[in-house]
Protein backbone atom coordinates (compact mmCIF):
# COMPACT_ATOMS: atom_id res chain seq x y z
CA MET A 1 34.04 -53.21 -59.15
CA ARG A 2 36.42 -50.36 -60.09
CA TYR A 3 34.60 -50.00 -63.40
CA LEU A 4 31.26 -49.68 -61.62
CA PHE A 5 32.65 -47.07 -59.23
CA GLY A 6 34.12 -45.08 -62.14
CA LEU A 7 30.83 -45.24 -64.01
CA LEU A 8 28.96 -44.07 -60.92
CA MET A 9 31.32 -41.11 -60.46
CA LEU A 10 31.02 -40.16 -64.13
CA THR A 11 27.22 -40.33 -64.00
CA THR A 12 27.10 -38.21 -60.85
CA GLY A 13 29.42 -35.64 -62.40
CA LEU A 14 27.40 -35.42 -65.60
CA SER A 15 24.21 -35.02 -63.62
CA ALA A 16 25.64 -32.06 -61.72
CA CYS A 17 26.81 -30.42 -64.96
CA SER A 18 23.42 -31.01 -66.47
CA GLN A 19 21.64 -29.41 -63.50
CA LYS A 20 23.89 -26.35 -63.71
CA SER A 21 23.21 -26.04 -67.43
CA ILE A 22 19.47 -26.21 -66.85
CA TYR A 23 19.67 -23.57 -64.11
CA GLU A 24 21.76 -21.26 -66.29
CA ALA A 25 19.44 -21.69 -69.30
CA ALA A 26 16.41 -20.83 -67.15
CA GLN A 27 18.25 -17.85 -65.67
CA ASN A 28 19.17 -16.58 -69.15
CA SER A 29 15.54 -16.86 -70.16
CA ARG A 30 14.46 -14.82 -67.12
CA LEU A 31 17.16 -12.21 -67.82
CA ASN A 32 15.93 -11.91 -71.41
CA GLU A 33 12.46 -11.22 -70.04
CA CYS A 34 14.00 -8.44 -67.92
CA ASN A 35 15.04 -6.73 -71.16
CA THR A 36 11.38 -6.09 -71.95
CA LEU A 37 11.02 -3.98 -68.79
CA GLN A 38 12.06 -0.40 -68.16
CA GLY A 39 13.38 1.70 -65.32
CA GLU A 40 12.94 0.43 -61.78
CA LEU A 41 11.18 -2.75 -62.91
CA TYR A 42 14.18 -3.59 -65.10
CA GLU A 43 16.64 -3.02 -62.25
CA GLN A 44 14.49 -5.07 -59.84
CA CYS A 45 14.21 -7.91 -62.34
CA LEU A 46 17.99 -8.03 -62.84
CA GLU A 47 18.58 -8.04 -59.09
CA GLU A 48 16.07 -10.85 -58.51
CA ASN A 49 17.61 -13.00 -61.23
CA SER A 50 21.33 -12.48 -60.69
CA MET A 51 22.02 -15.41 -58.33
CA SER A 52 24.75 -17.73 -59.61
CA TYR A 53 24.23 -21.49 -59.62
CA GLU A 54 26.71 -21.84 -56.77
CA GLU A 55 24.82 -19.28 -54.66
CA TYR A 56 21.58 -21.06 -55.50
CA GLN A 57 23.04 -24.39 -54.36
CA ARG A 58 24.25 -22.91 -51.06
CA GLU A 59 20.85 -21.34 -50.39
CA ARG A 60 19.06 -24.53 -51.37
CA ASN A 61 21.24 -26.55 -48.99
CA GLY A 62 20.61 -24.10 -46.16
CA GLU A 63 24.13 -22.73 -46.17
CA HIS A 64 24.59 -19.01 -45.79
CA LYS A 65 27.43 -17.02 -47.29
CA GLN A 66 29.72 -15.50 -44.68
CA GLU A 67 30.17 -11.77 -45.28
């Protein structure tokens, strides 16, 4: 039973790391596309694609950052 619980925790942890890696890879791709733009479009693109994975998770879960 302890082995099964440990395996479940490991799998859950790896899944979360994997999701973060996928998010960051997609974000890097979008940021590279920003580099093809100039001026205001470049600045707007960077702003739209600057959300960290943690911020994305909070927004996705309906949590709002307290400022």
